[in-house]
Amino acid sequence: MPNIVSAEKRLRQNKKRNLHNRMIKSTLNTLKKKVLKFISTSDKESAINVYKDYASAIDKAARKSIVHANRAAAKKSALMEKINNIK
């Protein structure tokens, strides 16, 4: 445990931010799983609709530095490529 008041405050802030960031990452993973589910069932229209929500959410997370911007772009690109390969 920290002995300095400012260090105690920093610890409290870090716990709050960590919880918030984990919640956002969990939401991203859930949206990604939904897109992958539609891809596996070859439902292109539904996959695109859910992908739009996923892309919006991951871009927002990238703006807030929860996810690195390049990683967000790579994830979106990889998922869109899978959607485009649906026959």
N, C-alpha and C. Protein backbone atom coordinates (compact mmCIF):
# COMPACT_ATOMS: atom_id res chain seq x y z
N MET A 1 0.83 -1.19 0.00
CA MET A 1 0.00 0.00 0.00
C MET A 1 0.88 1.26 0.00
N PRO A 2 0.41 2.28 -0.70
CA PRO A 2 1.18 3.53 -0.75
C PRO A 2 1.17 4.25 0.59
N ASN A 3 2.25 4.94 0.88
CA ASN A 3 2.35 5.70 2.12
C ASN A 3 2.06 7.18 1.90
N ILE A 4 2.07 7.62 0.66
CA ILE A 4 1.90 9.03 0.35
C ILE A 4 0.47 9.26 -0.14
N VAL A 5 -0.11 10.38 0.27
CA VAL A 5 -1.51 10.67 -0.04
C VAL A 5 -1.74 10.70 -1.55
N SER A 6 -0.86 11.34 -2.28
CA SER A 6 -1.04 11.44 -3.74
C SER A 6 -0.93 10.06 -4.39
N ALA A 7 -0.10 9.19 -3.82
CA ALA A 7 0.02 7.83 -4.36
C ALA A 7 -1.25 7.03 -4.08
N GLU A 8 -1.88 7.27 -2.94
CA GLU A 8 -3.15 6.60 -2.62
C GLU A 8 -4.23 7.03 -3.61
N LYS A 9 -4.26 8.32 -3.88
CA LYS A 9 -5.24 8.85 -4.84
C LYS A 9 -5.00 8.26 -6.22
N ARG A 10 -3.75 8.20 -6.63
CA ARG A 10 -3.40 7.65 -7.94
C ARG A 10 -3.86 6.19 -8.02
N LEU A 11 -3.71 5.44 -6.93
CA LEU A 11 -4.13 4.04 -6.90
C LEU A 11 -5.65 3.95 -7.08
N ARG A 12 -6.40 4.81 -6.40
CA ARG A 12 -7.86 4.83 -6.54
C ARG A 12 -8.26 5.15 -7.98
N GLN A 13 -7.60 6.13 -8.57
CA GLN A 13 -7.91 6.51 -9.95
C GLN A 13 -7.59 5.38 -10.92
N ASN A 14 -6.45 4.72 -10.70
CA ASN A 14 -6.06 3.63 -11.60
C ASN A 14 -7.05 2.48 -11.54
N LYS A 15 -7.57 2.17 -10.34
CA LYS A 15 -8.55 1.09 -10.22
C LYS A 15 -9.82 1.42 -10.99
N LYS A 16 -10.27 2.67 -10.86
CA LYS A 16 -11.48 3.10 -11.57
C LYS A 16 -11.28 3.04 -13.08
N ARG A 17 -10.16 3.56 -13.55
CA ARG A 17 -9.89 3.58 -14.99
C ARG A 17 -9.72 2.18 -15.54
N ASN A 18 -9.07 1.30 -14.76
CA ASN A 18 -8.88 -0.07 -15.19
C ASN A 18 -10.22 -0.77 -15.39
N LEU A 19 -11.13 -0.58 -14.44
CA LEU A 19 -12.46 -1.18 -14.55
C LEU A 19 -13.20 -0.64 -15.77
N HIS A 20 -13.14 0.66 -15.98
CA HIS A 20 -13.80 1.28 -17.12
C HIS A 20 -13.24 0.75 -18.44
N ASN A 21 -11.92 0.68 -18.54
CA ASN A 21 -11.29 0.19 -19.77
C ASN A 21 -11.62 -1.27 -20.03
N ARG A 22 -11.66 -2.09 -18.97
CA ARG A 22 -12.00 -3.50 -19.14
C ARG A 22 -13.43 -3.66 -19.64
N MET A 23 -14.34 -2.81 -19.15
CA MET A 23 -15.73 -2.87 -19.61
C MET A 23 -15.83 -2.56 -21.10
N ILE A 24 -15.10 -1.56 -21.53
CA ILE A 24 -15.12 -1.19 -22.94
C ILE A 24 -14.52 -2.30 -23.80
N LYS A 25 -13.40 -2.88 -23.36
CA LYS A 25 -12.78 -3.97 -24.12
C LYS A 25 -13.70 -5.19 -24.17
N SER A 26 -14.43 -5.44 -23.10
CA SER A 26 -15.37 -6.55 -23.08
C SER A 26 -16.49 -6.33 -24.10
N THR A 27 -16.97 -5.11 -24.18
CA THR A 27 -17.99 -4.77 -25.16
C THR A 27 -17.47 -4.97 -26.58
N LEU A 28 -16.23 -4.56 -26.81
CA LEU A 28 -15.62 -4.76 -28.14
C LEU A 28 -15.55 -6.23 -28.49
N ASN A 29 -15.13 -7.06 -27.53
CA ASN A 29 -15.03 -8.50 -27.79
C ASN A 29 -16.40 -9.11 -28.07
N THR A 30 -17.43 -8.65 -27.36
CA THR A 30 -18.78 -9.16 -27.59
C THR A 30 -19.25 -8.81 -28.99
N LEU A 31 -19.03 -7.56 -29.41
CA LEU A 31 -19.43 -7.16 -30.75
C LEU A 31 -18.67 -7.95 -31.82
N LYS A 32 -17.37 -8.19 -31.58
CA LYS A 32 -16.58 -8.95 -32.54
C LYS A 32 -17.10 -10.38 -32.65
N LYS A 33 -17.47 -10.98 -31.52
CA LYS A 33 -18.01 -12.34 -31.55
C LYS A 33 -19.32 -12.40 -32.33
N LYS A 34 -20.14 -11.34 -32.19
CA LYS A 34 -21.40 -11.31 -32.94
C LYS A 34 -21.13 -11.26 -34.45
N VAL A 35 -20.17 -10.43 -34.85
CA VAL A 35 -19.82 -10.34 -36.27
C VAL A 35 -19.32 -11.69 -36.77
N LEU A 36 -18.45 -12.32 -36.00
CA LEU A 36 -17.90 -13.62 -36.41
C LEU A 36 -18.98 -14.68 -36.50
N LYS A 37 -19.98 -14.59 -35.62
CA LYS A 37 -21.10 -15.53 -35.67
C LYS A 37 -21.86 -15.39 -36.98
N PHE A 38 -22.12 -14.15 -37.39
CA PHE A 38 -22.83 -13.94 -38.66
C PHE A 38 -21.96 -14.35 -39.85
N ILE A 39 -20.66 -14.15 -39.73
CA ILE A 39 -19.76 -14.57 -40.81
C ILE A 39 -19.80 -16.09 -40.96
N SER A 40 -19.80 -16.79 -39.83
CA SER A 40 -19.79 -18.26 -39.89
C SER A 40 -21.09 -18.82 -40.45
N THR A 41 -22.20 -18.05 -40.29
CA THR A 41 -23.47 -18.51 -40.86
C THR A 41 -23.71 -17.93 -42.25
N SER A 42 -22.73 -17.22 -42.80
CA SER A 42 -22.78 -16.63 -44.15
C SER A 42 -23.92 -15.62 -44.30
N ASP A 43 -24.23 -14.91 -43.22
CA ASP A 43 -25.26 -13.87 -43.26
C ASP A 43 -24.57 -12.52 -43.41
N LYS A 44 -24.35 -12.12 -44.67
CA LYS A 44 -23.53 -10.94 -44.96
C LYS A 44 -24.18 -9.64 -44.48
N GLU A 45 -25.49 -9.50 -44.70
CA GLU A 45 -26.15 -8.25 -44.33
C GLU A 45 -26.11 -8.01 -42.82
N SER A 46 -26.41 -9.04 -42.05
CA SER A 46 -26.37 -8.90 -40.58
C SER A 46 -24.95 -8.65 -40.10
N ALA A 47 -23.99 -9.31 -40.73
CA ALA A 47 -22.59 -9.12 -40.35
C ALA A 47 -22.17 -7.67 -40.59
N ILE A 48 -22.59 -7.10 -41.69
CA ILE A 48 -22.24 -5.70 -41.99
C ILE A 48 -22.89 -4.76 -40.99
N ASN A 49 -24.15 -5.03 -40.64
CA ASN A 49 -24.84 -4.16 -39.68
C ASN A 49 -24.15 -4.18 -38.32
N VAL A 50 -23.78 -5.34 -37.84
CA VAL A 50 -23.11 -5.43 -36.54
C VAL A 50 -21.68 -4.89 -36.66
N TYR A 51 -21.06 -5.09 -37.82
CA TYR A 51 -19.71 -4.56 -38.03
C TYR A 51 -19.68 -3.04 -37.89
N LYS A 52 -20.72 -2.37 -38.36
CA LYS A 52 -20.77 -0.91 -38.24
C LYS A 52 -20.72 -0.48 -36.77
N ASP A 53 -21.46 -1.19 -35.92
CA ASP A 53 -21.42 -0.90 -34.49
C ASP A 53 -20.03 -1.17 -33.92
N TYR A 54 -19.44 -2.29 -34.35
CA TYR A 54 -18.10 -2.65 -33.87
C TYR A 54 -17.07 -1.61 -34.30
N ALA A 55 -17.12 -1.19 -35.55
CA ALA A 55 -16.16 -0.21 -36.06
C ALA A 55 -16.29 1.11 -35.32
N SER A 56 -17.51 1.51 -35.07
CA SER A 56 -17.74 2.75 -34.34
C SER A 56 -17.18 2.66 -32.92
N ALA A 57 -17.44 1.54 -32.25
CA ALA A 57 -16.99 1.37 -30.88
C ALA A 57 -15.47 1.29 -30.78
N ILE A 58 -14.83 0.59 -31.70
CA ILE A 58 -13.37 0.47 -31.63
C ILE A 58 -12.69 1.78 -32.00
N ASP A 59 -13.30 2.55 -32.90
CA ASP A 59 -12.76 3.87 -33.21
C ASP A 59 -12.84 4.79 -32.00
N LYS A 60 -13.95 4.72 -31.30
CA LYS A 60 -14.12 5.54 -30.09
C LYS A 60 -13.09 5.13 -29.03
N ALA A 61 -12.86 3.83 -28.88
CA ALA A 61 -11.87 3.35 -27.92
C ALA A 61 -10.47 3.80 -28.32
N ALA A 62 -10.21 3.85 -29.62
CA ALA A 62 -8.90 4.30 -30.10
C ALA A 62 -8.71 5.79 -29.83
N ARG A 63 -9.77 6.57 -30.01
CA ARG A 63 -9.68 8.00 -29.71
C ARG A 63 -9.37 8.26 -28.24
N LYS A 64 -9.88 7.37 -27.38
CA LYS A 64 -9.67 7.54 -25.94
C LYS A 64 -8.43 6.79 -25.44
N SER A 65 -7.64 6.26 -26.37
CA SER A 65 -6.39 5.54 -26.07
C SER A 65 -6.60 4.29 -25.23
N ILE A 66 -7.76 3.68 -25.36
CA ILE A 66 -8.00 2.39 -24.70
C ILE A 66 -7.41 1.29 -25.55
N VAL A 67 -7.49 1.48 -26.87
CA VAL A 67 -6.89 0.58 -27.84
C VAL A 67 -6.01 1.46 -28.74
N HIS A 68 -4.86 0.96 -29.12
CA HIS A 68 -3.98 1.73 -29.99
C HIS A 68 -4.65 1.91 -31.35
N ALA A 69 -4.47 3.06 -31.96
CA ALA A 69 -5.14 3.39 -33.21
C ALA A 69 -4.78 2.41 -34.33
N ASN A 70 -3.52 2.03 -34.42
CA ASN A 70 -3.11 1.09 -35.47
C ASN A 70 -3.72 -0.29 -35.24
N ARG A 71 -3.82 -0.69 -33.99
CA ARG A 71 -4.44 -1.99 -33.67
C ARG A 71 -5.92 -1.97 -34.05
N ALA A 72 -6.58 -0.85 -33.76
CA ALA A 72 -8.00 -0.72 -34.12
C ALA A 72 -8.17 -0.83 -35.62
N ALA A 73 -7.32 -0.16 -36.37
CA ALA A 73 -7.41 -0.21 -37.83
C ALA A 73 -7.17 -1.62 -38.34
N ALA A 74 -6.21 -2.31 -37.76
CA ALA A 74 -5.90 -3.68 -38.19
C ALA A 74 -7.06 -4.62 -37.90
N LYS A 75 -7.67 -4.46 -36.73
CA LYS A 75 -8.81 -5.31 -36.36
C LYS A 75 -9.99 -5.08 -37.32
N LYS A 76 -10.26 -3.81 -37.61
CA LYS A 76 -11.36 -3.50 -38.52
C LYS A 76 -11.09 -4.06 -39.91
N SER A 77 -9.86 -3.91 -40.38
CA SER A 77 -9.50 -4.38 -41.70
C SER A 77 -9.63 -5.90 -41.81
N ALA A 78 -9.15 -6.60 -40.80
CA ALA A 78 -9.20 -8.06 -40.82
C ALA A 78 -10.64 -8.56 -40.82
N LEU A 79 -11.49 -7.91 -40.02
CA LEU A 79 -12.88 -8.32 -39.94
C LEU A 79 -13.62 -8.03 -41.24
N MET A 80 -13.34 -6.87 -41.84
CA MET A 80 -13.99 -6.51 -43.09
C MET A 80 -13.56 -7.45 -44.21
N GLU A 81 -12.32 -7.87 -44.17
CA GLU A 81 -11.83 -8.82 -45.17
C GLU A 81 -12.60 -10.14 -45.08
N LYS A 82 -12.86 -10.58 -43.84
CA LYS A 82 -13.63 -11.82 -43.65
C LYS A 82 -15.06 -11.64 -44.16
N ILE A 83 -15.63 -10.48 -43.92
CA ILE A 83 -17.00 -10.21 -44.40
C ILE A 83 -17.03 -10.22 -45.92
N ASN A 84 -16.03 -9.62 -46.55
CA ASN A 84 -15.99 -9.55 -48.01
C ASN A 84 -15.79 -10.92 -48.65
N ASN A 85 -15.21 -11.87 -47.90
CA ASN A 85 -14.98 -13.20 -48.45
C ASN A 85 -16.21 -14.11 -48.33
N ILE A 86 -17.29 -13.61 -47.74
CA ILE A 86 -18.52 -14.39 -47.67
C ILE A 86 -19.10 -14.52 -49.07
N LYS A 87 -19.47 -15.73 -49.42
CA LYS A 87 -20.01 -15.96 -50.77
C LYS A 87 -21.52 -15.97 -50.76
